[in-house]
Amino acid sequence: MPDAIDPLIRDLSDRDREVRRAAEDGLVALGARSVDRLLPYVRDTRRESPRFGAESVLKRLGGQALPRLREIRRHGPGHLRGKALETLVDLGGAEALDEADRRAVERLVGIKLLDEGRVELPLDAGRWLAFPADRFDDAVSALGLHDLRPATAVTGVEAATRADDSLEFEDSRGEKQKAYRVFITPEFDNWRGDPPTGKWRLVWGNAFVDECDGFSLADRLSERCGEAHFYVIDPYHSGSVWYVARNGRRVRSYGTYDYPEFRGKPLPFEISYIEDAANGIDEEYAEGVSDAGIAADHLSVEPGPMPIEDTHGHGWLATTHPDAPNARFKGALPI
């Protein structure tokens, strides 16, 4: 059978799309027998590697490949064990792992959390929520979160902003539901406020924020936590949004494409910017601060590299439905 597989593997890198497609079809037809030959190319970054074709075949094989992947995890060959673990999670989520592998992953996460070092959060683009760190339990309740798992920032950001962060499924009653994956960051100090605004946690989850409406989520958070913020940085559309809610109601907001752009009375941190604009300095701030990053820096926390001395505890990965735990979301995540 290797004689039949090798030419198909080579054709996965062919310049002709039809040849590549035929090779994929041929390998899928061979079923789990092709798994061992495909695994070396998973996450392979070498030039001319058939990585994408190999990963596509494994994805199409889906459940057919799982038994062989588990067998490799337990019995080898050793050089394929790591790739087998990644592929198991890619195809079936963490629930595709056996108990030994699940425990091993949990131990690795625990070790990484002990020495996480500097936390970095996306700064150039994104949307996120913020709430006072001491209202963690209230925030979890307000957002309806379940299956909270300790997670590094690298894992959390990947899970909530780049990997599949939503899941459609049937609940225990057979009804169609949609769940989201959400990352709550460690606690961060903010010393910029006057007075300093204390410790904050941020909430990341692109699909969650987009489809459940970040403004409504901020209102809901503020009802339980006293105050909450929603921020958007969108360089593609040259857009910026910041929104402050207290006790369930907006008190101040800015949106590049809103009309009017500003709503509510200027907040204390904006006064100096408005005064500078009146004196001919940074005239774009004549009505208030329009930059979401600047607003976040004053009000809660601006993302980016976070100082180690201002970072406390660890982050949490959670989902929004009790019938959809983290283990059901597919895709291997960095730790």
C-alpha atoms as a PDB file:
ATOM      1  CA  MET A   1       0.000   0.000   0.000  1.00  0.00           C
ATOM      2  CA  PRO A   2       2.856   2.531   0.571  1.00  0.00           C
ATOM      3  CA  ASP A   3       3.512   2.254  -3.214  1.00  0.00           C
ATOM      4  CA  ALA A   4       0.009   3.623  -3.803  1.00  0.00           C
ATOM      5  CA  ILE A   5       0.313   6.323  -1.128  1.00  0.00           C
ATOM      6  CA  ASP A   6       3.707   7.821  -2.000  1.00  0.00           C
ATOM      7  CA  PRO A   7       2.762   9.129  -5.476  1.00  0.00           C
ATOM      8  CA  LEU A   8      -0.424  10.643  -4.062  1.00  0.00           C
ATOM      9  CA  ILE A   9       1.569  12.405  -1.319  1.00  0.00           C
ATOM     10  CA  ARG A  10       3.873  13.869  -3.976  1.00  0.00           C
ATOM     11  CA  ASP A  11       0.898  15.038  -6.026  1.00  0.00           C
ATOM     12  CA  LEU A  12      -0.393  17.063  -3.053  1.00  0.00           C
ATOM     13  CA  SER A  13       2.340  19.599  -3.954  1.00  0.00           C
ATOM     14  CA  ASP A  14       1.678  19.629  -7.695  1.00  0.00           C
ATOM     15  CA  ARG A  15       1.207  23.004  -9.382  1.00  0.00           C
ATOM     16  CA  ASP A  16      -1.990  21.792 -11.063  1.00  0.00           C
ATOM     17  CA  ARG A  17      -5.052  22.226  -8.854  1.00  0.00           C
ATOM     18  CA  GLU A  18      -6.826  19.292 -10.470  1.00  0.00           C
ATOM     19  CA  VAL A  19      -3.877  16.999  -9.777  1.00  0.00           C
ATOM     20  CA  ARG A  20      -3.833  18.126  -6.124  1.00  0.00           C
ATOM     21  CA  ARG A  21      -7.583  17.574  -5.830  1.00  0.00           C
ATOM     22  CA  ALA A  22      -7.334  14.093  -7.332  1.00  0.00           C
ATOM     23  CA  ALA A  23      -4.510  13.229  -4.922  1.00  0.00           C
ATOM     24  CA  GLU A  24      -6.627  14.320  -1.961  1.00  0.00           C
ATOM     25  CA  ASP A  25      -9.555  12.246  -3.201  1.00  0.00           C
ATOM     26  CA  GLY A  26      -7.304   9.220  -3.623  1.00  0.00           C
ATOM     27  CA  LEU A  27      -5.872   9.502  -0.117  1.00  0.00           C
ATOM     28  CA  VAL A  28      -9.326   9.965   1.402  1.00  0.00           C
ATOM     29  CA  ALA A  29     -10.428   6.802  -0.415  1.00  0.00           C
ATOM     30  CA  LEU A  30      -7.570   4.915   1.255  1.00  0.00           C
ATOM     31  CA  GLY A  31      -8.983   5.881   4.637  1.00  0.00           C
ATOM     32  CA  ALA A  32      -7.004   5.520   7.855  1.00  0.00           C
ATOM     33  CA  ARG A  33      -4.235   3.643   6.023  1.00  0.00           C
ATOM     34  CA  SER A  34      -2.872   7.001   4.855  1.00  0.00           C
ATOM     35  CA  VAL A  35      -2.724   8.597   8.329  1.00  0.00           C
ATOM     36  CA  ASP A  36       0.863   7.606   9.140  1.00  0.00           C
ATOM     37  CA  ARG A  37       2.164   9.056   5.865  1.00  0.00           C
ATOM     38  CA  LEU A  38       0.214  12.288   6.232  1.00  0.00           C
ATOM     39  CA  LEU A  39       1.099  13.100   9.847  1.00  0.00           C
ATOM     40  CA  PRO A  40       4.729  14.227   9.222  1.00  0.00           C
ATOM     41  CA  TYR A  41       3.367  17.140   7.182  1.00  0.00           C
ATOM     42  CA  VAL A  42       1.008  18.515   9.849  1.00  0.00           C
ATOM     43  CA  ARG A  43       2.178  22.059  10.741  1.00  0.00           C
ATOM     44  CA  ASP A  44       5.149  21.528   8.404  1.00  0.00           C
ATOM     45  CA  THR A  45       6.507  24.918   7.315  1.00  0.00           C
ATOM     46  CA  ARG A  46       9.173  23.688   4.896  1.00  0.00           C
ATOM     47  CA  ARG A  47       9.050  25.068   1.387  1.00  0.00           C
ATOM     48  CA  GLU A  48       7.178  22.869  -1.110  1.00  0.00           C
ATOM     49  CA  SER A  49       5.699  20.869   1.780  1.00  0.00           C
ATOM     50  CA  PRO A  50       2.292  19.312   1.035  1.00  0.00           C
ATOM     51  CA  ARG A  51       1.116  20.554   4.426  1.00  0.00           C
ATOM     52  CA  PHE A  52      -2.203  22.045   3.380  1.00  0.00           C
ATOM     53  CA  GLY A  53      -3.166  19.072   1.264  1.00  0.00           C
ATOM     54  CA  ALA A  54      -2.208  16.640   4.038  1.00  0.00           C
ATOM     55  CA  GLU A  55      -4.178  18.573   6.629  1.00  0.00           C
ATOM     56  CA  SER A  56      -7.154  18.785   4.271  1.00  0.00           C
ATOM     57  CA  VAL A  57      -7.139  15.006   3.794  1.00  0.00           C
ATOM     58  CA  LEU A  58      -6.988  14.392   7.546  1.00  0.00           C
ATOM     59  CA  LYS A  59      -9.861  16.807   8.069  1.00  0.00           C
ATOM     60  CA  ARG A  60     -11.928  15.034   5.432  1.00  0.00           C
ATOM     61  CA  LEU A  61     -11.156  11.676   7.036  1.00  0.00           C
ATOM     62  CA  GLY A  62     -12.425  13.054  10.349  1.00  0.00           C
ATOM     63  CA  GLY A  63     -13.694  10.274  12.597  1.00  0.00           C
ATOM     64  CA  GLN A  64     -12.127   7.570  10.401  1.00  0.00           C
ATOM     65  CA  ALA A  65      -8.680   8.795  11.455  1.00  0.00           C
ATOM     66  CA  LEU A  66      -9.301   8.973  15.212  1.00  0.00           C
ATOM     67  CA  PRO A  67      -8.728   5.296  16.129  1.00  0.00           C
ATOM     68  CA  ARG A  68      -5.376   5.200  14.315  1.00  0.00           C
ATOM     69  CA  LEU A  69      -4.324   8.512  15.866  1.00  0.00           C
ATOM     70  CA  ARG A  70      -5.108   7.202  19.360  1.00  0.00           C
ATOM     71  CA  GLU A  71      -3.156   4.059  18.586  1.00  0.00           C
ATOM     72  CA  ILE A  72      -0.125   6.144  17.583  1.00  0.00           C
ATOM     73  CA  ARG A  73      -0.424   8.127  20.832  1.00  0.00           C
ATOM     74  CA  ARG A  74      -0.260   4.917  22.874  1.00  0.00           C
ATOM     75  CA  HIS A  75       2.102   2.714  20.866  1.00  0.00           C
ATOM     76  CA  GLY A  76       4.024   4.937  18.444  1.00  0.00           C
ATOM     77  CA  PRO A  77       5.926   5.323  16.277  1.00  0.00           C
ATOM     78  CA  GLY A  78       7.432   7.871  18.642  1.00  0.00           C
ATOM     79  CA  HIS A  79       8.229  10.543  16.057  1.00  0.00           C
ATOM     80  CA  LEU A  80       4.536  10.788  15.174  1.00  0.00           C
ATOM     81  CA  ARG A  81       3.116  11.030  18.713  1.00  0.00           C
ATOM     82  CA  GLY A  82       3.237  14.842  18.913  1.00  0.00           C
ATOM     83  CA  LYS A  83       1.598  15.311  15.515  1.00  0.00           C
ATOM     84  CA  ALA A  84      -1.027  12.704  16.430  1.00  0.00           C
ATOM     85  CA  LEU A  85      -1.952  14.681  19.559  1.00  0.00           C
ATOM     86  CA  GLU A  86      -2.379  17.938  17.610  1.00  0.00           C
ATOM     87  CA  THR A  87      -4.419  16.209  14.922  1.00  0.00           C
ATOM     88  CA  LEU A  88      -6.689  14.487  17.437  1.00  0.00           C
ATOM     89  CA  VAL A  89      -7.620  17.869  18.919  1.00  0.00           C
ATOM     90  CA  ASP A  90      -7.955  19.447  15.468  1.00  0.00           C
ATOM     91  CA  LEU A  91     -10.392  16.763  14.344  1.00  0.00           C
ATOM     92  CA  GLY A  92     -12.362  16.071  17.496  1.00  0.00           C
ATOM     93  CA  GLY A  93     -11.550  18.633  20.162  1.00  0.00           C
ATOM     94  CA  ALA A  94     -10.042  17.713  23.524  1.00  0.00           C
ATOM     95  CA  GLU A  95     -12.869  15.227  24.082  1.00  0.00           C
ATOM     96  CA  ALA A  96     -11.247  13.066  21.378  1.00  0.00           C
ATOM     97  CA  LEU A  97      -8.280  12.499  23.708  1.00  0.00           C
ATOM     98  CA  ASP A  98      -8.137   9.594  26.108  1.00  0.00           C
ATOM     99  CA  GLU A  99      -7.911  10.193  29.853  1.00  0.00           C
ATOM    100  CA  ALA A 100      -4.108   9.934  29.973  1.00  0.00           C
ATOM    101  CA  ASP A 101      -3.652  12.618  27.308  1.00  0.00           C
ATOM    102  CA  ARG A 102      -6.217  14.911  28.930  1.00  0.00           C
ATOM    103  CA  ARG A 103      -4.377  14.694  32.247  1.00  0.00           C
ATOM    104  CA  ALA A 104      -1.050  15.337  30.495  1.00  0.00           C
ATOM    105  CA  VAL A 105      -2.398  18.488  28.831  1.00  0.00           C
ATOM    106  CA  GLU A 106      -3.825  19.747  32.137  1.00  0.00           C
ATOM    107  CA  ARG A 107      -0.451  19.199  33.843  1.00  0.00           C
ATOM    108  CA  LEU A 108       1.327  21.102  31.071  1.00  0.00           C
ATOM    109  CA  VAL A 109      -1.100  24.028  31.403  1.00  0.00           C
ATOM    110  CA  GLY A 110      -0.505  24.096  35.157  1.00  0.00           C
ATOM    111  CA  ILE A 111       3.262  24.196  34.650  1.00  0.00           C
ATOM    112  CA  LYS A 112       3.003  26.983  32.068  1.00  0.00           C
ATOM    113  CA  LEU A 113       0.774  29.059  34.356  1.00  0.00           C
ATOM    114  CA  LEU A 114       3.412  28.951  37.106  1.00  0.00           C
ATOM    115  CA  ASP A 115       5.910  30.662  34.812  1.00  0.00           C
ATOM    116  CA  GLU A 116       3.786  32.481  32.252  1.00  0.00           C
ATOM    117  CA  GLY A 117       5.963  35.592  32.198  1.00  0.00           C
ATOM    118  CA  ARG A 118       4.873  38.698  30.337  1.00  0.00           C
ATOM    119  CA  VAL A 119       1.335  38.634  29.004  1.00  0.00           C
ATOM    120  CA  GLU A 120       0.683  40.129  25.563  1.00  0.00           C
ATOM    121  CA  LEU A 121      -2.771  40.997  24.280  1.00  0.00           C
ATOM    122  CA  PRO A 122      -3.646  42.058  20.700  1.00  0.00           C
ATOM    123  CA  LEU A 123      -3.253  45.820  20.322  1.00  0.00           C
ATOM    124  CA  ASP A 124      -3.354  46.568  16.598  1.00  0.00           C
ATOM    125  CA  ALA A 125      -6.949  45.356  16.148  1.00  0.00           C
ATOM    126  CA  GLY A 126      -9.747  43.705  18.054  1.00  0.00           C
ATOM    127  CA  ARG A 127     -12.764  44.144  20.274  1.00  0.00           C
ATOM    128  CA  TRP A 128     -13.000  43.423  23.950  1.00  0.00           C
ATOM    129  CA  LEU A 129     -14.883  44.111  27.171  1.00  0.00           C
ATOM    130  CA  ALA A 130     -13.520  45.267  30.519  1.00  0.00           C
ATOM    131  CA  PHE A 131     -14.858  44.972  34.069  1.00  0.00           C
ATOM    132  CA  PRO A 132     -13.488  45.573  37.593  1.00  0.00           C
ATOM    133  CA  ALA A 133     -11.354  42.586  38.566  1.00  0.00           C
ATOM    134  CA  ASP A 134     -12.894  42.220  42.008  1.00  0.00           C
ATOM    135  CA  ARG A 135     -16.288  41.503  40.397  1.00  0.00           C
ATOM    136  CA  PHE A 136     -15.149  38.310  38.678  1.00  0.00           C
ATOM    137  CA  ASP A 137     -17.979  36.107  39.985  1.00  0.00           C
ATOM    138  CA  ASP A 138     -20.542  38.747  39.048  1.00  0.00           C
ATOM    139  CA  ALA A 139     -19.105  38.975  35.543  1.00  0.00           C
ATOM    140  CA  VAL A 140     -19.205  35.194  35.072  1.00  0.00           C
ATOM    141  CA  SER A 141     -22.846  35.188  36.144  1.00  0.00           C
ATOM    142  CA  ALA A 142     -23.773  38.194  34.001  1.00  0.00           C
ATOM    143  CA  LEU A 143     -22.250  36.668  30.862  1.00  0.00           C
ATOM    144  CA  GLY A 144     -23.679  33.211  31.569  1.00  0.00           C
ATOM    145  CA  LEU A 145     -20.305  31.424  31.441  1.00  0.00           C
ATOM    146  CA  HIS A 146     -19.666  27.727  32.079  1.00  0.00           C
ATOM    147  CA  ASP A 147     -16.783  25.245  32.276  1.00  0.00           C
ATOM    148  CA  LEU A 148     -14.171  27.771  33.441  1.00  0.00           C
ATOM    149  CA  ARG A 149     -10.661  26.408  32.885  1.00  0.00           C
ATOM    150  CA  PRO A 150      -7.334  28.044  33.836  1.00  0.00           C
ATOM    151  CA  ALA A 151      -5.553  29.137  30.653  1.00  0.00           C
ATOM    152  CA  THR A 152      -2.458  31.025  29.594  1.00  0.00           C
ATOM    153  CA  ALA A 153      -2.946  34.247  27.662  1.00  0.00           C
ATOM    154  CA  VAL A 154      -1.464  32.611  24.560  1.00  0.00           C
ATOM    155  CA  THR A 155      -4.081  29.862  24.734  1.00  0.00           C
ATOM    156  CA  GLY A 156      -6.935  32.198  25.584  1.00  0.00           C
ATOM    157  CA  VAL A 157      -6.305  34.756  22.862  1.00  0.00           C
ATOM    158  CA  GLU A 158      -5.884  32.044  20.227  1.00  0.00           C
ATOM    159  CA  ALA A 159      -9.066  30.269  21.347  1.00  0.00           C
ATOM    160  CA  ALA A 160     -11.211  33.401  21.476  1.00  0.00           C
ATOM    161  CA  THR A 161      -9.935  35.400  18.498  1.00  0.00           C
ATOM    162  CA  ARG A 162      -8.303  33.115  15.936  1.00  0.00           C
ATOM    163  CA  ALA A 163      -9.471  29.512  16.362  1.00  0.00           C
ATOM    164  CA  ASP A 164     -13.073  28.372  16.013  1.00  0.00           C
ATOM    165  CA  ASP A 165     -14.739  30.276  18.841  1.00  0.00           C
ATOM    166  CA  SER A 166     -18.370  29.308  18.184  1.00  0.00           C
ATOM    167  CA  LEU A 167     -20.101  25.953  18.019  1.00  0.00           C
ATOM    168  CA  GLU A 168     -23.527  24.906  16.768  1.00  0.00           C
ATOM    169  CA  PHE A 169     -24.947  21.788  18.421  1.00  0.00           C
ATOM    170  CA  GLU A 170     -28.071  20.089  19.750  1.00  0.00           C
ATOM    171  CA  ASP A 171     -28.618  20.418  23.483  1.00  0.00           C
ATOM    172  CA  SER A 172     -29.815  17.685  25.856  1.00  0.00           C
ATOM    173  CA  ARG A 173     -33.395  18.283  24.697  1.00  0.00           C
ATOM    174  CA  GLY A 174     -32.525  17.999  21.020  1.00  0.00           C
ATOM    175  CA  GLU A 175     -32.877  21.735  20.358  1.00  0.00           C
ATOM    176  CA  LYS A 176     -30.387  23.595  18.157  1.00  0.00           C
ATOM    177  CA  GLN A 177     -28.080  25.894  20.114  1.00  0.00           C
ATOM    178  CA  LYS A 178     -24.982  27.990  19.556  1.00  0.00           C
ATOM    179  CA  ALA A 179     -22.200  28.311  22.117  1.00  0.00           C
ATOM    180  CA  TYR A 180     -19.229  30.667  22.200  1.00  0.00           C
ATOM    181  CA  ARG A 181     -15.758  30.365  23.660  1.00  0.00           C
ATOM    182  CA  VAL A 182     -14.609  33.281  25.814  1.00  0.00           C
ATOM    183  CA  PHE A 183     -11.286  34.231  27.415  1.00  0.00           C
ATOM    184  CA  ILE A 184     -11.114  36.270  30.626  1.00  0.00           C
ATOM    185  CA  THR A 185      -7.638  37.689  31.202  1.00  0.00           C
ATOM    186  CA  PRO A 186      -5.612  37.860  34.422  1.00  0.00           C
ATOM    187  CA  GLU A 187      -6.009  40.965  36.579  1.00  0.00           C
ATOM    188  CA  PHE A 188      -4.165  44.088  35.423  1.00  0.00           C
ATOM    189  CA  ASP A 189      -3.399  47.244  37.427  1.00  0.00           C
ATOM    190  CA  ASN A 190      -4.237  50.639  35.972  1.00  0.00           C
ATOM    191  CA  TRP A 191      -2.232  53.546  37.393  1.00  0.00           C
ATOM    192  CA  ARG A 192      -3.133  56.068  34.703  1.00  0.00           C
ATOM    193  CA  GLY A 193      -6.449  57.186  36.118  1.00  0.00           C
ATOM    194  CA  ASP A 194      -6.718  60.180  38.409  1.00  0.00           C
ATOM    195  CA  PRO A 195      -7.242  58.647  40.886  1.00  0.00           C
ATOM    196  CA  PRO A 196      -5.966  55.231  39.688  1.00  0.00           C
ATOM    197  CA  THR A 197      -8.855  53.036  38.577  1.00  0.00           C
ATOM    198  CA  GLY A 198      -7.648  49.813  40.245  1.00  0.00           C
ATOM    199  CA  LYS A 199      -7.517  46.313  38.800  1.00  0.00           C
ATOM    200  CA  TRP A 200      -9.363  45.187  35.669  1.00  0.00           C
ATOM    201  CA  ARG A 201      -9.976  42.032  33.706  1.00  0.00           C
ATOM    202  CA  LEU A 202     -10.636  41.978  29.957  1.00  0.00           C
ATOM    203  CA  VAL A 203     -12.978  39.679  28.047  1.00  0.00           C
ATOM    204  CA  TRP A 204     -12.041  38.444  24.566  1.00  0.00           C
ATOM    205  CA  GLY A 205     -14.261  36.468  22.194  1.00  0.00           C
ATOM    206  CA  ASN A 206     -14.747  37.721  18.655  1.00  0.00           C
ATOM    207  CA  ALA A 207     -17.848  35.712  17.728  1.00  0.00           C
ATOM    208  CA  PHE A 208     -19.338  36.222  21.198  1.00  0.00           C
ATOM    209  CA  VAL A 209     -18.898  40.006  21.108  1.00  0.00           C
ATOM    210  CA  ASP A 210     -19.993  40.338  17.475  1.00  0.00           C
ATOM    211  CA  GLU A 211     -23.071  38.144  17.553  1.00  0.00           C
ATOM    212  CA  CYS A 212     -24.253  38.962  21.086  1.00  0.00           C
ATOM    213  CA  ASP A 213     -23.608  42.729  20.660  1.00  0.00           C
ATOM    214  CA  GLY A 214     -20.728  44.201  22.644  1.00  0.00           C
ATOM    215  CA  PHE A 215     -22.801  47.205  23.737  1.00  0.00           C
ATOM    216  CA  SER A 216     -25.515  45.011  25.234  1.00  0.00           C
ATOM    217  CA  LEU A 217     -22.891  42.827  26.895  1.00  0.00           C
ATOM    218  CA  ALA A 218     -21.289  45.905  28.474  1.00  0.00           C
ATOM    219  CA  ASP A 219     -24.684  47.053  29.770  1.00  0.00           C
ATOM    220  CA  ARG A 220     -25.341  43.601  31.203  1.00  0.00           C
ATOM    221  CA  LEU A 221     -21.908  43.459  32.839  1.00  0.00           C
ATOM    222  CA  SER A 222     -22.317  46.907  34.364  1.00  0.00           C
ATOM    223  CA  GLU A 223     -25.638  45.925  35.943  1.00  0.00           C
ATOM    224  CA  ARG A 224     -23.824  43.288  37.985  1.00  0.00           C
ATOM    225  CA  CYS A 225     -20.342  44.805  38.246  1.00  0.00           C
ATOM    226  CA  GLY A 226     -21.152  48.524  38.622  1.00  0.00           C
ATOM    227  CA  GLU A 227     -19.144  49.501  35.541  1.00  0.00           C
ATOM    228  CA  ALA A 228     -18.085  47.876  32.273  1.00  0.00           C
ATOM    229  CA  HIS A 229     -16.557  48.981  28.972  1.00  0.00           C
ATOM    230  CA  PHE A 230     -16.635  47.896  25.352  1.00  0.00           C
ATOM    231  CA  TYR A 231     -13.801  48.765  22.948  1.00  0.00           C
ATOM    232  CA  VAL A 232     -13.185  48.288  19.227  1.00  0.00           C
ATOM    233  CA  ILE A 233     -10.026  49.023  17.253  1.00  0.00           C
ATOM    234  CA  ASP A 234     -10.602  48.473  13.521  1.00  0.00           C
ATOM    235  CA  PRO A 235      -7.627  49.651  11.431  1.00  0.00           C
ATOM    236  CA  TYR A 236      -9.071  48.107   8.254  1.00  0.00           C
ATOM    237  CA  HIS A 237     -11.991  50.552   8.338  1.00  0.00           C
ATOM    238  CA  SER A 238     -10.054  53.261  10.240  1.00  0.00           C
ATOM    239  CA  GLY A 239     -12.621  52.823  12.996  1.00  0.00           C
ATOM    240  CA  SER A 240     -12.566  53.232  16.754  1.00  0.00           C
ATOM    241  CA  VAL A 241     -15.258  52.633  19.382  1.00  0.00           C
ATOM    242  CA  TRP A 242     -15.308  52.991  23.137  1.00  0.00           C
ATOM    243  CA  TYR A 243     -18.339  52.676  25.365  1.00  0.00           C
ATOM    244  CA  VAL A 244     -18.690  53.112  29.127  1.00  0.00           C
ATOM    245  CA  ALA A 245     -21.714  51.725  30.981  1.00  0.00           C
ATOM    246  CA  ARG A 246     -22.494  52.122  34.669  1.00  0.00           C
ATOM    247  CA  ASN A 247     -25.291  50.345  36.483  1.00  0.00           C
ATOM    248  CA  GLY A 248     -26.748  49.085  33.241  1.00  0.00           C
ATOM    249  CA  ARG A 249     -26.749  52.361  31.279  1.00  0.00           C
ATOM    250  CA  ARG A 250     -24.394  54.149  28.910  1.00  0.00           C
ATOM    251  CA  VAL A 251     -22.716  57.224  30.384  1.00  0.00           C
ATOM    252  CA  ARG A 252     -20.289  58.032  27.550  1.00  0.00           C
ATOM    253  CA  SER A 253     -19.389  56.626  24.149  1.00  0.00           C
ATOM    254  CA  TYR A 254     -17.559  57.376  20.938  1.00  0.00           C
ATOM    255  CA  GLY A 255     -17.909  55.694  17.542  1.00  0.00           C
ATOM    256  CA  THR A 256     -16.140  56.735  14.347  1.00  0.00           C
ATOM    257  CA  TYR A 257     -19.233  56.012  12.257  1.00  0.00           C
ATOM    258  CA  ASP A 258     -21.873  56.918  14.843  1.00  0.00           C
ATOM    259  CA  TYR A 259     -24.011  60.018  14.488  1.00  0.00           C
ATOM    260  CA  PRO A 260     -23.341  61.900  16.602  1.00  0.00           C
ATOM    261  CA  GLU A 261     -19.893  60.445  17.168  1.00  0.00           C
ATOM    262  CA  PHE A 262     -19.913  61.309  20.892  1.00  0.00           C
ATOM    263  CA  ARG A 263     -22.769  60.585  23.269  1.00  0.00           C
ATOM    264  CA  GLY A 264     -22.941  61.553  26.923  1.00  0.00           C
ATOM    265  CA  LYS A 265     -20.938  64.144  28.830  1.00  0.00           C
ATOM    266  CA  PRO A 266     -17.124  64.104  28.615  1.00  0.00           C
ATOM    267  CA  LEU A 267     -15.479  62.035  31.333  1.00  0.00           C
ATOM    268  CA  PRO A 268     -12.846  63.594  33.631  1.00  0.00           C
ATOM    269  CA  PHE A 269      -9.888  62.118  31.731  1.00  0.00           C
ATOM    270  CA  GLU A 270     -11.055  63.844  28.537  1.00  0.00           C
ATOM    271  CA  ILE A 271     -11.008  67.383  29.961  1.00  0.00           C
ATOM    272  CA  SER A 272      -7.291  67.964  29.470  1.00  0.00           C
ATOM    273  CA  TYR A 273      -7.537  66.762  25.853  1.00  0.00           C
ATOM    274  CA  ILE A 274     -10.461  69.115  25.180  1.00  0.00           C
ATOM    275  CA  GLU A 275      -8.566  72.017  26.771  1.00  0.00           C
ATOM    276  CA  ASP A 276      -5.475  71.262  24.670  1.00  0.00           C
ATOM    277  CA  ALA A 277      -7.631  71.235  21.532  1.00  0.00           C
ATOM    278  CA  ALA A 278      -9.046  74.647  22.465  1.00  0.00           C
ATOM    279  CA  ASN A 279      -5.448  75.901  22.663  1.00  0.00           C
ATOM    280  CA  GLY A 280      -4.608  74.579  19.214  1.00  0.00           C
ATOM    281  CA  ILE A 281      -3.011  71.284  20.350  1.00  0.00           C
ATOM    282  CA  ASP A 282      -4.441  68.003  18.977  1.00  0.00           C
ATOM    283  CA  GLU A 283      -7.540  69.707  17.642  1.00  0.00           C
ATOM    284  CA  GLU A 284      -9.073  66.326  16.753  1.00  0.00           C
ATOM    285  CA  TYR A 285      -9.946  66.037  20.459  1.00  0.00           C
ATOM    286  CA  ALA A 286     -12.092  69.172  20.529  1.00  0.00           C
ATOM    287  CA  GLU A 287     -15.180  67.171  21.549  1.00  0.00           C
ATOM    288  CA  GLY A 288     -13.400  64.469  23.507  1.00  0.00           C
ATOM    289  CA  VAL A 289     -11.114  61.462  23.060  1.00  0.00           C
ATOM    290  CA  SER A 290     -11.774  59.568  19.844  1.00  0.00           C
ATOM    291  CA  ASP A 291      -9.049  56.937  20.209  1.00  0.00           C
ATOM    292  CA  ALA A 292     -10.206  53.668  21.829  1.00  0.00           C
ATOM    293  CA  GLY A 293      -6.660  52.789  22.910  1.00  0.00           C
ATOM    294  CA  ILE A 294      -6.213  56.104  24.735  1.00  0.00           C
ATOM    295  CA  ALA A 295      -9.619  55.772  26.369  1.00  0.00           C
ATOM    296  CA  ALA A 296      -8.825  52.228  27.508  1.00  0.00           C
ATOM    297  CA  ASP A 297      -5.464  53.342  28.885  1.00  0.00           C
ATOM    298  CA  HIS A 298      -7.198  55.900  31.120  1.00  0.00           C
ATOM    299  CA  LEU A 299     -10.374  54.017  31.999  1.00  0.00           C
ATOM    300  CA  SER A 300      -9.300  50.396  32.394  1.00  0.00           C
ATOM    301  CA  VAL A 301      -6.439  48.683  30.522  1.00  0.00           C
ATOM    302  CA  GLU A 302      -5.009  49.204  27.054  1.00  0.00           C
ATOM    303  CA  PRO A 303      -4.027  45.853  25.451  1.00  0.00           C
ATOM    304  CA  GLY A 304      -0.491  45.098  24.342  1.00  0.00           C
ATOM    305  CA  PRO A 305       2.530  43.911  26.362  1.00  0.00           C
ATOM    306  CA  MET A 306       1.429  43.980  30.012  1.00  0.00           C
ATOM    307  CA  PRO A 307       4.048  44.742  32.698  1.00  0.00           C
ATOM    308  CA  ILE A 308       4.758  41.690  34.857  1.00  0.00           C
ATOM    309  CA  GLU A 309       4.534  43.745  38.044  1.00  0.00           C
ATOM    310  CA  ASP A 310       1.003  44.897  37.099  1.00  0.00           C
ATOM    311  CA  THR A 311      -0.280  41.410  36.204  1.00  0.00           C
ATOM    312  CA  HIS A 312      -1.891  39.174  38.817  1.00  0.00           C
ATOM    313  CA  GLY A 313      -3.238  35.628  38.714  1.00  0.00           C
ATOM    314  CA  HIS A 314      -4.102  33.821  35.511  1.00  0.00           C
ATOM    315  CA  GLY A 315      -6.719  33.843  32.807  1.00  0.00           C
ATOM    316  CA  TRP A 316      -9.762  31.641  32.319  1.00  0.00           C
ATOM    317  CA  LEU A 317     -11.229  29.957  29.252  1.00  0.00           C
ATOM    318  CA  ALA A 318     -14.997  29.468  29.370  1.00  0.00           C
ATOM    319  CA  THR A 319     -18.008  28.721  27.196  1.00  0.00           C
ATOM    320  CA  THR A 320     -21.518  30.147  27.130  1.00  0.00           C
ATOM    321  CA  HIS A 321     -23.555  26.929  27.353  1.00  0.00           C
ATOM    322  CA  PRO A 322     -23.461  24.082  29.901  1.00  0.00           C
ATOM    323  CA  ASP A 323     -23.917  21.462  27.154  1.00  0.00           C
ATOM    324  CA  ALA A 324     -20.899  22.744  25.194  1.00  0.00           C
ATOM    325  CA  PRO A 325     -17.752  22.496  27.344  1.00  0.00           C
ATOM    326  CA  ASN A 326     -14.357  23.655  26.094  1.00  0.00           C
ATOM    327  CA  ALA A 327     -13.444  20.091  25.127  1.00  0.00           C
ATOM    328  CA  ARG A 328     -16.048  20.102  22.340  1.00  0.00           C
ATOM    329  CA  PHE A 329     -14.396  22.975  20.448  1.00  0.00           C
ATOM    330  CA  LYS A 330     -12.104  21.682  17.731  1.00  0.00           C
ATOM    331  CA  GLY A 331      -8.602  22.920  17.033  1.00  0.00           C
ATOM    332  CA  ALA A 332      -5.222  22.489  18.716  1.00  0.00           C
ATOM    333  CA  LEU A 333      -4.217  25.560  20.733  1.00  0.00           C
ATOM    334  CA  PRO A 334      -0.742  26.791  21.719  1.00  0.00           C
ATOM    335  CA  ILE A 335       0.035  26.735  25.450  1.00  0.00           C
END
